[in-house]
Amino acid sequence: MPMAKVRVQTTINGETAEFLCEPRQSLLECLRDILGLTGTKEGCNDGNCGACTVLLDGRVVNSCLVLGVEAEGHAVTTIEGIARGSRLHPLQQAFLEDAALQCGICTPGFIVAAKALLDQEPHPSEDRIRHYLANNLCRCTGYDKIVRAVQHAASQMEEAKA
């Protein structure tokens, strides 16, 4: 017997959104299956890999561990909300330029988490970047290129402010 659906009103990537979901559905399932925002990836579905990282009211969360109904009244930012229209965010550009991605499963989670870090700390040290991104796993590139891409983006963002 199907569960009764719950109406959720939220803001996703700066836009008001409303959707119906079952109380048991994760935010990840709601984003991908109901709203068609497939940039957020499912890796492990148990909170260990970070592929599904989104921002909930600016806070980094694994969307596989948050229920869709918990988005009610809150702001969600996914990888689709990072770019400025058709212009890539400096983090996205740096990941491309610095070859910090291969298969792409982990990339959205890394970029969303790195954006949260740079929003808080515009000039993080290498150690701080590594610590902050420790909940995101990559099985293809290793982490050096990812860390360099975050450093590159931080410097590009600083130059753009000047």
N, C-alpha and C. Protein backbone atom coordinates (compact mmCIF):
# COMPACT_ATOMS: atom_id res chain seq x y z
N MET A 1 0.84 -1.18 0.00
CA MET A 1 0.00 0.00 0.00
C MET A 1 0.89 1.24 0.00
N PRO A 2 0.73 2.13 -0.99
CA PRO A 2 1.58 3.32 -1.06
C PRO A 2 1.31 4.28 0.11
N MET A 3 2.36 4.94 0.52
CA MET A 3 2.24 5.92 1.60
C MET A 3 1.60 7.20 1.07
N ALA A 4 0.93 7.90 1.96
CA ALA A 4 0.38 9.21 1.60
C ALA A 4 1.54 10.16 1.33
N LYS A 5 1.38 10.98 0.33
CA LYS A 5 2.45 11.93 0.00
C LYS A 5 2.27 13.22 0.78
N VAL A 6 3.41 13.86 1.01
CA VAL A 6 3.45 15.11 1.76
C VAL A 6 3.87 16.23 0.81
N ARG A 7 3.22 17.37 0.93
CA ARG A 7 3.58 18.53 0.11
C ARG A 7 4.73 19.28 0.81
N VAL A 8 5.78 19.54 0.05
CA VAL A 8 6.95 20.24 0.59
C VAL A 8 7.13 21.53 -0.21
N GLN A 9 7.22 22.63 0.52
CA GLN A 9 7.53 23.93 -0.09
C GLN A 9 8.91 24.34 0.38
N THR A 10 9.75 24.68 -0.58
CA THR A 10 11.15 24.96 -0.28
C THR A 10 11.69 25.93 -1.32
N THR A 11 12.94 26.28 -1.17
CA THR A 11 13.65 27.06 -2.18
C THR A 11 14.81 26.20 -2.66
N ILE A 12 14.87 25.99 -3.97
CA ILE A 12 15.96 25.19 -4.53
C ILE A 12 16.69 26.04 -5.56
N ASN A 13 17.97 26.24 -5.29
CA ASN A 13 18.83 27.04 -6.18
C ASN A 13 18.24 28.43 -6.42
N GLY A 14 17.69 29.01 -5.35
CA GLY A 14 17.18 30.37 -5.41
C GLY A 14 15.76 30.50 -5.92
N GLU A 15 15.16 29.40 -6.33
CA GLU A 15 13.80 29.42 -6.88
C GLU A 15 12.84 28.71 -5.93
N THR A 16 11.65 29.28 -5.76
CA THR A 16 10.62 28.62 -4.96
C THR A 16 10.24 27.31 -5.64
N ALA A 17 10.14 26.26 -4.85
CA ALA A 17 9.80 24.95 -5.39
C ALA A 17 8.78 24.27 -4.47
N GLU A 18 7.97 23.45 -5.08
CA GLU A 18 6.99 22.67 -4.34
C GLU A 18 6.95 21.28 -4.97
N PHE A 19 6.92 20.27 -4.13
CA PHE A 19 6.84 18.90 -4.65
C PHE A 19 6.11 18.02 -3.65
N LEU A 20 5.66 16.87 -4.14
CA LEU A 20 5.03 15.86 -3.31
C LEU A 20 5.99 14.69 -3.17
N CYS A 21 6.15 14.21 -1.95
CA CYS A 21 7.02 13.06 -1.72
C CYS A 21 6.47 12.21 -0.60
N GLU A 22 6.91 10.98 -0.57
CA GLU A 22 6.57 10.12 0.55
C GLU A 22 7.45 10.51 1.73
N PRO A 23 6.94 10.39 2.95
CA PRO A 23 7.73 10.79 4.13
C PRO A 23 9.06 10.07 4.26
N ARG A 24 9.19 8.89 3.66
CA ARG A 24 10.41 8.09 3.77
C ARG A 24 11.45 8.45 2.72
N GLN A 25 11.09 9.25 1.71
CA GLN A 25 12.01 9.53 0.61
C GLN A 25 13.11 10.50 1.04
N SER A 26 14.32 10.20 0.62
CA SER A 26 15.45 11.09 0.94
C SER A 26 15.39 12.35 0.07
N LEU A 27 16.06 13.37 0.52
CA LEU A 27 16.18 14.58 -0.29
C LEU A 27 16.84 14.25 -1.62
N LEU A 28 17.82 13.35 -1.60
CA LEU A 28 18.47 12.92 -2.83
C LEU A 28 17.46 12.36 -3.82
N GLU A 29 16.59 11.47 -3.36
CA GLU A 29 15.56 10.89 -4.23
C GLU A 29 14.63 11.97 -4.76
N CYS A 30 14.26 12.90 -3.90
CA CYS A 30 13.35 13.97 -4.32
C CYS A 30 14.00 14.85 -5.38
N LEU A 31 15.26 15.22 -5.16
CA LEU A 31 15.96 16.06 -6.13
C LEU A 31 16.06 15.36 -7.48
N ARG A 32 16.50 14.12 -7.47
CA ARG A 32 16.76 13.40 -8.72
C ARG A 32 15.47 12.91 -9.38
N ASP A 33 14.63 12.22 -8.61
CA ASP A 33 13.49 11.51 -9.20
C ASP A 33 12.24 12.36 -9.36
N ILE A 34 12.05 13.33 -8.48
CA ILE A 34 10.83 14.15 -8.55
C ILE A 34 11.10 15.46 -9.28
N LEU A 35 12.22 16.11 -8.93
CA LEU A 35 12.51 17.44 -9.48
C LEU A 35 13.41 17.40 -10.71
N GLY A 36 13.98 16.26 -11.03
CA GLY A 36 14.81 16.14 -12.23
C GLY A 36 16.16 16.82 -12.12
N LEU A 37 16.62 17.09 -10.91
CA LEU A 37 17.94 17.70 -10.70
C LEU A 37 18.95 16.57 -10.50
N THR A 38 19.43 16.04 -11.61
CA THR A 38 20.26 14.84 -11.57
C THR A 38 21.76 15.12 -11.41
N GLY A 39 22.12 16.38 -11.22
CA GLY A 39 23.53 16.70 -10.99
C GLY A 39 24.02 16.15 -9.67
N THR A 40 23.16 16.10 -8.67
CA THR A 40 23.50 15.50 -7.38
C THR A 40 23.52 14.00 -7.58
N LYS A 41 24.63 13.37 -7.24
CA LYS A 41 24.83 11.96 -7.55
C LYS A 41 24.59 11.06 -6.33
N GLU A 42 24.15 9.84 -6.62
CA GLU A 42 24.05 8.82 -5.59
C GLU A 42 25.29 7.95 -5.67
N GLY A 43 26.04 7.93 -4.60
CA GLY A 43 27.23 7.09 -4.55
C GLY A 43 26.97 5.89 -3.67
N CYS A 44 26.96 6.10 -2.37
CA CYS A 44 26.83 4.99 -1.42
C CYS A 44 25.43 4.87 -0.83
N ASN A 45 24.70 5.96 -0.81
CA ASN A 45 23.36 6.03 -0.22
C ASN A 45 23.35 5.73 1.28
N ASP A 46 24.50 5.92 1.94
CA ASP A 46 24.52 5.77 3.40
C ASP A 46 25.41 6.82 4.08
N GLY A 47 25.69 7.91 3.38
CA GLY A 47 26.38 9.04 3.99
C GLY A 47 27.88 8.94 4.08
N ASN A 48 28.48 8.01 3.39
CA ASN A 48 29.92 7.82 3.51
C ASN A 48 30.77 8.39 2.39
N CYS A 49 30.16 8.76 1.24
CA CYS A 49 31.02 9.14 0.11
C CYS A 49 30.96 10.62 -0.26
N GLY A 50 29.88 11.32 0.06
CA GLY A 50 29.78 12.74 -0.24
C GLY A 50 29.35 13.07 -1.66
N ALA A 51 29.07 12.08 -2.51
CA ALA A 51 28.67 12.37 -3.89
C ALA A 51 27.36 13.15 -3.94
N CYS A 52 26.53 12.99 -2.92
CA CYS A 52 25.21 13.63 -2.90
C CYS A 52 25.20 14.94 -2.11
N THR A 53 26.36 15.51 -1.85
CA THR A 53 26.45 16.73 -1.04
C THR A 53 25.67 17.87 -1.66
N VAL A 54 24.84 18.51 -0.82
CA VAL A 54 24.13 19.73 -1.17
C VAL A 54 24.26 20.67 0.02
N LEU A 55 23.83 21.91 -0.18
CA LEU A 55 23.79 22.86 0.92
C LEU A 55 22.34 23.01 1.37
N LEU A 56 22.11 22.91 2.65
CA LEU A 56 20.80 23.12 3.24
C LEU A 56 20.94 24.33 4.15
N ASP A 57 20.34 25.43 3.73
CA ASP A 57 20.53 26.72 4.41
C ASP A 57 22.01 27.05 4.56
N GLY A 58 22.78 26.75 3.53
CA GLY A 58 24.20 27.07 3.51
C GLY A 58 25.08 26.06 4.22
N ARG A 59 24.50 25.05 4.81
CA ARG A 59 25.25 24.04 5.55
C ARG A 59 25.41 22.78 4.71
N VAL A 60 26.61 22.21 4.69
CA VAL A 60 26.90 21.01 3.93
C VAL A 60 26.17 19.82 4.54
N VAL A 61 25.38 19.11 3.70
CA VAL A 61 24.70 17.89 4.15
C VAL A 61 24.78 16.83 3.06
N ASN A 62 24.72 15.59 3.47
CA ASN A 62 24.58 14.48 2.53
C ASN A 62 23.09 14.32 2.28
N SER A 63 22.66 14.58 1.06
CA SER A 63 21.23 14.55 0.77
C SER A 63 20.62 13.16 0.88
N CYS A 64 21.46 12.12 0.89
CA CYS A 64 20.93 10.77 1.08
C CYS A 64 20.53 10.52 2.52
N LEU A 65 20.99 11.37 3.44
CA LEU A 65 20.69 11.20 4.86
C LEU A 65 19.63 12.18 5.37
N VAL A 66 19.16 13.06 4.50
CA VAL A 66 18.14 14.05 4.86
C VAL A 66 16.85 13.63 4.18
N LEU A 67 15.77 13.65 4.91
CA LEU A 67 14.48 13.34 4.30
C LEU A 67 14.02 14.53 3.46
N GLY A 68 13.34 14.24 2.37
CA GLY A 68 12.80 15.31 1.53
C GLY A 68 11.90 16.25 2.30
N VAL A 69 11.12 15.70 3.22
CA VAL A 69 10.20 16.55 4.01
C VAL A 69 10.95 17.53 4.90
N GLU A 70 12.20 17.23 5.21
CA GLU A 70 13.00 18.13 6.04
C GLU A 70 13.43 19.39 5.30
N ALA A 71 13.24 19.42 4.00
CA ALA A 71 13.55 20.62 3.21
C ALA A 71 12.46 21.68 3.35
N GLU A 72 11.33 21.32 3.92
CA GLU A 72 10.21 22.25 4.09
C GLU A 72 10.69 23.56 4.72
N GLY A 73 10.46 24.66 3.99
CA GLY A 73 10.80 25.99 4.50
C GLY A 73 12.28 26.34 4.48
N HIS A 74 13.09 25.50 3.92
CA HIS A 74 14.53 25.73 3.90
C HIS A 74 15.02 25.97 2.48
N ALA A 75 16.28 26.41 2.37
CA ALA A 75 16.90 26.67 1.08
C ALA A 75 17.90 25.57 0.77
N VAL A 76 17.76 24.98 -0.40
CA VAL A 76 18.65 23.91 -0.86
C VAL A 76 19.43 24.43 -2.06
N THR A 77 20.75 24.20 -2.03
CA THR A 77 21.58 24.53 -3.18
C THR A 77 22.23 23.25 -3.67
N THR A 78 22.02 22.95 -4.95
CA THR A 78 22.61 21.77 -5.57
C THR A 78 23.70 22.24 -6.54
N ILE A 79 24.37 21.31 -7.16
CA ILE A 79 25.39 21.65 -8.16
C ILE A 79 24.79 22.51 -9.27
N GLU A 80 23.51 22.30 -9.61
CA GLU A 80 22.87 23.09 -10.66
C GLU A 80 22.76 24.56 -10.27
N GLY A 81 22.81 24.86 -8.98
CA GLY A 81 22.69 26.24 -8.52
C GLY A 81 24.03 26.94 -8.31
N ILE A 82 25.12 26.28 -8.63
CA ILE A 82 26.45 26.86 -8.40
C ILE A 82 26.86 27.80 -9.54
N ALA A 83 26.58 27.43 -10.77
CA ALA A 83 26.93 28.28 -11.92
C ALA A 83 26.08 29.55 -11.92
N ARG A 84 26.54 30.56 -12.62
CA ARG A 84 25.80 31.82 -12.80
C ARG A 84 25.24 31.81 -14.22
N GLY A 85 24.03 31.30 -14.38
CA GLY A 85 23.48 31.17 -15.72
C GLY A 85 24.31 30.19 -16.52
N SER A 86 24.78 30.61 -17.67
CA SER A 86 25.61 29.73 -18.51
C SER A 86 27.09 29.86 -18.17
N ARG A 87 27.43 30.75 -17.23
CA ARG A 87 28.83 30.96 -16.85
C ARG A 87 29.20 30.09 -15.66
N LEU A 88 30.20 29.27 -15.82
CA LEU A 88 30.62 28.38 -14.75
C LEU A 88 31.13 29.16 -13.55
N HIS A 89 30.91 28.63 -12.37
CA HIS A 89 31.50 29.17 -11.15
C HIS A 89 33.01 28.93 -11.23
N PRO A 90 33.82 29.78 -10.62
CA PRO A 90 35.28 29.56 -10.66
C PRO A 90 35.70 28.16 -10.20
N LEU A 91 34.98 27.57 -9.26
CA LEU A 91 35.31 26.20 -8.85
C LEU A 91 35.09 25.21 -9.99
N GLN A 92 33.99 25.35 -10.67
CA GLN A 92 33.71 24.45 -11.80
C GLN A 92 34.77 24.62 -12.89
N GLN A 93 35.13 25.87 -13.17
CA GLN A 93 36.14 26.14 -14.18
C GLN A 93 37.50 25.58 -13.77
N ALA A 94 37.85 25.75 -12.50
CA ALA A 94 39.13 25.24 -12.01
C ALA A 94 39.17 23.72 -12.05
N PHE A 95 38.07 23.05 -11.73
CA PHE A 95 38.04 21.59 -11.80
C PHE A 95 38.31 21.12 -13.23
N LEU A 96 37.76 21.85 -14.21
CA LEU A 96 38.02 21.50 -15.61
C LEU A 96 39.46 21.78 -15.99
N GLU A 97 39.93 22.98 -15.70
CA GLU A 97 41.28 23.40 -16.11
C GLU A 97 42.37 22.58 -15.44
N ASP A 98 42.15 22.19 -14.19
CA ASP A 98 43.17 21.48 -13.42
C ASP A 98 43.00 19.96 -13.46
N ALA A 99 42.11 19.48 -14.34
CA ALA A 99 41.87 18.04 -14.49
C ALA A 99 41.57 17.36 -13.16
N ALA A 100 40.71 18.01 -12.37
CA ALA A 100 40.38 17.51 -11.04
C ALA A 100 39.16 16.58 -11.06
N LEU A 101 38.85 16.04 -12.23
CA LEU A 101 37.73 15.12 -12.32
C LEU A 101 38.02 14.08 -13.37
N GLN A 102 37.40 12.93 -13.19
CA GLN A 102 37.50 11.88 -14.21
C GLN A 102 36.11 11.33 -14.48
N CYS A 103 35.62 10.42 -13.65
CA CYS A 103 34.33 9.82 -13.95
C CYS A 103 33.17 10.77 -13.66
N GLY A 104 33.36 11.69 -12.75
CA GLY A 104 32.35 12.71 -12.47
C GLY A 104 31.36 12.39 -11.38
N ILE A 105 31.36 11.19 -10.84
CA ILE A 105 30.40 10.85 -9.79
C ILE A 105 30.62 11.71 -8.54
N CYS A 106 31.85 11.89 -8.13
CA CYS A 106 32.13 12.64 -6.91
C CYS A 106 32.19 14.15 -7.12
N THR A 107 32.36 14.57 -8.36
CA THR A 107 32.64 15.99 -8.66
C THR A 107 31.59 16.96 -8.13
N PRO A 108 30.29 16.73 -8.34
CA PRO A 108 29.32 17.69 -7.81
C PRO A 108 29.42 17.87 -6.30
N GLY A 109 29.61 16.77 -5.58
CA GLY A 109 29.73 16.86 -4.13
C GLY A 109 30.96 17.64 -3.69
N PHE A 110 32.08 17.40 -4.37
CA PHE A 110 33.30 18.15 -4.05
C PHE A 110 33.11 19.64 -4.32
N ILE A 111 32.50 19.98 -5.45
CA ILE A 111 32.33 21.39 -5.80
C ILE A 111 31.39 22.09 -4.82
N VAL A 112 30.29 21.44 -4.47
CA VAL A 112 29.34 22.05 -3.53
C VAL A 112 30.00 22.24 -2.17
N ALA A 113 30.72 21.22 -1.69
CA ALA A 113 31.40 21.33 -0.39
C ALA A 113 32.49 22.40 -0.44
N ALA A 114 33.25 22.44 -1.52
CA ALA A 114 34.32 23.44 -1.65
C ALA A 114 33.74 24.85 -1.70
N LYS A 115 32.60 25.01 -2.33
CA LYS A 115 31.95 26.32 -2.36
C LYS A 115 31.59 26.77 -0.95
N ALA A 116 31.05 25.85 -0.17
CA ALA A 116 30.72 26.19 1.22
C ALA A 116 31.97 26.62 1.98
N LEU A 117 33.07 25.92 1.76
CA LEU A 117 34.33 26.29 2.41
C LEU A 117 34.77 27.69 1.98
N LEU A 118 34.80 27.94 0.67
CA LEU A 118 35.27 29.25 0.19
C LEU A 118 34.33 30.38 0.58
N ASP A 119 33.04 30.08 0.75
CA ASP A 119 32.11 31.10 1.25
C ASP A 119 32.46 31.50 2.68
N GLN A 120 32.94 30.54 3.47
CA GLN A 120 33.32 30.80 4.86
C GLN A 120 34.75 31.33 4.99
N GLU A 121 35.63 30.75 4.19
CA GLU A 121 37.06 31.06 4.27
C GLU A 121 37.60 31.27 2.85
N PRO A 122 37.72 32.49 2.42
CA PRO A 122 38.17 32.75 1.04
C PRO A 122 39.60 32.29 0.75
N HIS A 123 40.44 32.13 1.78
CA HIS A 123 41.84 31.74 1.58
C HIS A 123 42.22 30.58 2.49
N PRO A 124 41.60 29.43 2.33
CA PRO A 124 41.94 28.31 3.21
C PRO A 124 43.31 27.73 2.86
N SER A 125 43.97 27.22 3.87
CA SER A 125 45.25 26.54 3.65
C SER A 125 44.99 25.18 3.00
N GLU A 126 46.06 24.58 2.48
CA GLU A 126 45.93 23.25 1.90
C GLU A 126 45.41 22.27 2.94
N ASP A 127 45.94 22.34 4.17
CA ASP A 127 45.48 21.44 5.22
C ASP A 127 44.00 21.64 5.51
N ARG A 128 43.55 22.89 5.52
CA ARG A 128 42.14 23.18 5.79
C ARG A 128 41.26 22.63 4.68
N ILE A 129 41.68 22.78 3.43
CA ILE A 129 40.92 22.24 2.31
C ILE A 129 40.81 20.73 2.44
N ARG A 130 41.93 20.08 2.70
CA ARG A 130 41.91 18.61 2.83
C ARG A 130 41.01 18.18 3.99
N HIS A 131 41.06 18.86 5.09
CA HIS A 131 40.22 18.52 6.25
C HIS A 131 38.75 18.74 5.92
N TYR A 132 38.44 19.87 5.30
CA TYR A 132 37.05 20.22 5.01
C TYR A 132 36.43 19.25 4.00
N LEU A 133 37.22 18.77 3.06
CA LEU A 133 36.71 17.87 2.03
C LEU A 133 36.90 16.39 2.38
N ALA A 134 37.29 16.11 3.60
CA ALA A 134 37.57 14.73 4.00
C ALA A 134 36.36 13.81 3.93
N ASN A 135 35.16 14.35 3.96
CA ASN A 135 33.95 13.52 3.88
C ASN A 135 33.56 13.19 2.44
N ASN A 136 34.30 13.71 1.48
CA ASN A 136 34.03 13.44 0.07
C ASN A 136 35.11 12.49 -0.45
N LEU A 137 34.67 11.40 -1.06
CA LEU A 137 35.61 10.40 -1.55
C LEU A 137 35.69 10.41 -3.07
N CYS A 138 36.90 10.20 -3.57
CA CYS A 138 37.13 10.07 -5.00
C CYS A 138 37.94 8.81 -5.22
N ARG A 139 37.50 8.02 -6.17
CA ARG A 139 38.21 6.77 -6.45
C ARG A 139 39.02 6.85 -7.75
N CYS A 140 38.98 8.00 -8.42
CA CYS A 140 39.65 8.11 -9.72
C CYS A 140 40.86 9.03 -9.72
N THR A 141 40.69 10.27 -9.27
CA THR A 141 41.72 11.28 -9.49
C THR A 141 42.76 11.34 -8.39
N GLY A 142 42.46 10.86 -7.22
CA GLY A 142 43.29 11.18 -6.07
C GLY A 142 42.88 12.56 -5.63
N TYR A 143 43.50 13.08 -4.65
CA TYR A 143 43.02 14.34 -4.07
C TYR A 143 43.88 15.55 -4.39
N ASP A 144 45.10 15.35 -4.83
CA ASP A 144 45.99 16.49 -5.07
C ASP A 144 45.40 17.45 -6.10
N LYS A 145 44.89 16.92 -7.21
CA LYS A 145 44.32 17.80 -8.24
C LYS A 145 43.07 18.52 -7.74
N ILE A 146 42.30 17.86 -6.92
CA ILE A 146 41.10 18.49 -6.35
C ILE A 146 41.51 19.64 -5.44
N VAL A 147 42.47 19.41 -4.58
CA VAL A 147 42.94 20.47 -3.67
C VAL A 147 43.51 21.63 -4.47
N ARG A 148 44.30 21.33 -5.50
CA ARG A 148 44.87 22.39 -6.35
C ARG A 148 43.77 23.18 -7.05
N ALA A 149 42.71 22.50 -7.48
CA ALA A 149 41.60 23.19 -8.14
C ALA A 149 40.89 24.14 -7.17
N VAL A 150 40.73 23.74 -5.93
CA VAL A 150 40.11 24.62 -4.93
C VAL A 150 41.00 25.82 -4.67
N GLN A 151 42.31 25.60 -4.56
CA GLN A 151 43.25 26.70 -4.37
C GLN A 151 43.20 27.64 -5.58
N HIS A 152 43.17 27.08 -6.77
CA HIS A 152 43.11 27.86 -8.01
C HIS A 152 41.84 28.72 -8.02
N ALA A 153 40.71 28.12 -7.69
CA ALA A 153 39.44 28.85 -7.67
C ALA A 153 39.48 29.97 -6.64
N ALA A 154 40.05 29.69 -5.48
CA ALA A 154 40.14 30.72 -4.44
C ALA A 154 40.93 31.93 -4.94
N SER A 155 42.03 31.67 -5.64
CA SER A 155 42.82 32.80 -6.15
C SER A 155 42.08 33.52 -7.28
N GLN A 156 41.38 32.78 -8.13
CA GLN A 156 40.59 33.42 -9.20
C GLN A 156 39.48 34.28 -8.60
N MET A 157 38.84 33.79 -7.56
CA MET A 157 37.75 34.55 -6.93
C MET A 157 38.30 35.82 -6.27
N GLU A 158 39.49 35.73 -5.71
CA GLU A 158 40.12 36.90 -5.10
C GLU A 158 40.48 37.94 -6.16
N GLU A 159 41.03 37.47 -7.29
CA GLU A 159 41.36 38.39 -8.39
C GLU A 159 40.12 39.07 -8.93
N ALA A 160 39.02 38.36 -8.99
CA ALA A 160 37.77 38.94 -9.53
C ALA A 160 37.23 40.04 -8.62
N LYS A 161 37.53 39.94 -7.32
CA LYS A 161 37.08 40.96 -6.37
C LYS A 161 37.91 42.23 -6.51
N ALA A 162 39.16 42.09 -6.93
CA ALA A 162 40.08 43.23 -6.99
C ALA A 162 39.78 44.17 -8.15
